[in-house]
Protein backbone atom coordinates (compact mmCIF):
# COMPACT_ATOMS: atom_id res chain seq x y z
CA MET A 1 -19.79 5.06 -5.51
CA THR A 2 -23.14 6.75 -5.43
CA SER A 3 -23.88 10.42 -5.81
CA ALA A 4 -26.70 12.70 -4.77
CA VAL A 5 -27.41 16.31 -5.67
CA GLY A 6 -28.66 19.02 -3.39
CA ARG A 7 -27.85 20.38 0.04
CA SER A 8 -27.06 16.97 1.56
CA GLY A 9 -25.62 15.63 -1.67
CA GLY A 10 -22.17 14.41 -2.49
CA TRP A 11 -20.32 11.18 -3.09
CA ARG A 12 -20.70 8.11 -0.91
CA ILE A 13 -19.06 4.73 -0.97
CA ALA A 14 -21.75 2.20 -1.89
CA LYS A 15 -20.06 -0.71 -0.10
CA GLY A 16 -18.98 -1.30 3.46
CA ALA A 17 -15.34 -0.69 4.39
CA ASP A 18 -14.94 -4.43 4.94
CA GLU A 19 -15.89 -5.06 1.28
CA ILE A 20 -13.37 -2.71 -0.37
CA THR A 21 -9.77 -3.80 -0.78
CA VAL A 22 -6.70 -1.62 -1.11
CA GLU A 23 -6.17 -3.33 -4.48
CA GLN A 24 -9.54 -2.07 -5.73
CA ILE A 25 -8.67 1.48 -4.71
CA HIS A 26 -5.21 1.24 -6.27
CA ASP A 27 -6.70 -0.04 -9.53
CA ALA A 28 -9.31 2.73 -9.55
CA LEU A 29 -6.73 5.47 -9.05
CA GLN A 30 -3.66 4.22 -10.89
CA THR A 31 -2.85 2.09 -13.88
CA GLY A 32 0.32 0.11 -14.22
CA SER A 33 2.87 -0.72 -11.58
CA ALA A 34 2.99 0.77 -8.11
CA PHE A 35 6.75 1.02 -8.61
CA SER A 36 8.64 3.12 -11.09
CA ILE A 37 12.33 2.59 -11.56
CA ALA A 38 13.54 3.56 -15.00
CA LEU A 39 15.79 1.01 -16.58
CA SER A 40 18.84 2.36 -18.38
CA SER A 41 19.00 2.16 -22.14
CA ASP A 42 21.98 4.43 -22.71
CA HIS A 43 24.33 1.59 -23.66
CA SER A 44 22.19 -1.17 -25.13
CA THR A 45 25.19 -3.31 -26.07
CA CYS A 46 26.75 -3.15 -22.58
CA PRO A 47 26.51 -6.57 -20.86
CA VAL A 48 26.57 -4.97 -17.39
CA GLU A 49 23.67 -2.67 -18.23
CA GLY A 50 21.76 -5.63 -19.66
CA ALA A 51 22.38 -7.74 -16.54
CA VAL A 52 21.35 -4.91 -14.21
CA ASN A 53 18.20 -4.22 -16.23
CA THR A 54 17.27 -7.91 -16.19
CA PHE A 55 17.85 -8.11 -12.43
CA LEU A 56 15.84 -4.93 -11.72
CA ASP A 57 13.00 -6.03 -14.00
CA GLN A 58 12.70 -9.40 -12.25
CA ALA A 59 13.05 -7.91 -8.76
CA MET A 60 10.38 -5.29 -9.44
CA ALA A 61 8.02 -7.93 -10.87
CA ASP A 62 8.49 -10.01 -7.70
CA ALA A 63 7.88 -6.96 -5.52
CA GLU A 64 4.79 -6.00 -7.53
CA ARG A 65 3.29 -9.49 -7.08
CA ALA A 66 3.95 -9.41 -3.33
CA LEU A 67 2.50 -5.92 -2.97
CA ARG A 68 -0.63 -6.73 -4.98
CA THR A 69 -1.18 -9.88 -2.90
CA ARG A 70 -1.01 -7.73 0.22
CA PHE A 71 -3.28 -5.09 -1.34
CA ALA A 72 -5.85 -7.77 -2.27
CA SER A 73 -5.95 -9.17 1.27
CA THR A 74 -6.30 -5.79 3.04
CA THR A 75 -9.61 -3.97 3.32
CA ILE A 76 -10.33 -0.37 4.19
CA GLN A 77 -11.72 -1.67 7.47
CA ASP A 78 -8.36 -3.32 8.18
CA LEU A 79 -6.64 0.03 7.64
CA ALA A 80 -9.11 1.81 9.89
CA ASN A 81 -8.41 -0.68 12.68
CA ILE A 82 -4.67 -0.07 12.70
CA ARG A 83 -3.06 2.70 14.69
CA LEU A 84 0.68 3.17 14.79
CA VAL A 85 2.16 4.12 18.14
CA TRP A 86 5.73 4.52 19.28
CA ASN A 87 6.88 1.65 21.40
CA ALA A 88 8.56 3.17 24.46
CA ALA A 89 11.39 0.63 24.62
CA PRO A 90 13.82 0.38 21.72
CA THR A 91 13.34 -3.00 20.05
CA GLN A 92 15.68 -2.98 17.10
CA SER A 93 19.35 -2.25 16.63
CA VAL A 94 20.73 -1.06 13.32
CA SER A 95 24.52 -0.77 13.13
CA GLY A 96 24.66 -0.76 16.92
CA THR A 97 22.12 2.08 17.29
CA ALA A 98 18.92 1.31 19.18
CA LEU A 99 15.89 2.61 17.32
CA PRO A 100 12.32 3.03 18.59
CA MET A 101 9.92 0.88 16.61
CA LEU A 102 6.42 1.51 15.36
CA ARG A 103 4.05 -1.28 16.26
CA PRO A 104 0.41 -1.75 15.23
CA LEU A 105 -2.21 -1.32 17.90
CA HIS A 106 -5.44 -2.90 16.75
CA ALA A 107 -8.52 -1.04 17.82
CA PRO A 108 -11.60 -3.00 16.70
CA GLY A 109 -14.60 -0.78 16.21
CA ALA A 110 -12.50 2.36 15.93
CA TRP A 111 -14.28 3.14 12.70
CA SER A 112 -17.46 1.73 11.37
CA SER A 113 -18.70 1.73 7.81
CA LYS A 114 -22.24 1.79 9.20
CA ARG A 115 -22.07 5.45 10.26
CA GLY A 116 -24.82 7.60 8.89
């Protein structure tokens, strides 16, 4: 980030959108996990509580690794190039109900980090 004072001042991103990852933004704005599920500690001697806590801890660690991998491989430019639109024809059925799906529509050049 750079800053300038005065009438035309303000904050500006010092890098291009294709150089900034979602992971970098996440790390700048938040510490710790992107997920927050509190594990129970009401009955520390309960084997069921212990098993559930172990399962949740491992599942959340797996999810965190997958999410951070995705964050690291996605730039702000990637986000700017994606537009979600409703697909007119239902493409997925859940419990026998047809649901409209969102699908990405890539629009290269929709946003440029080179704007003045």
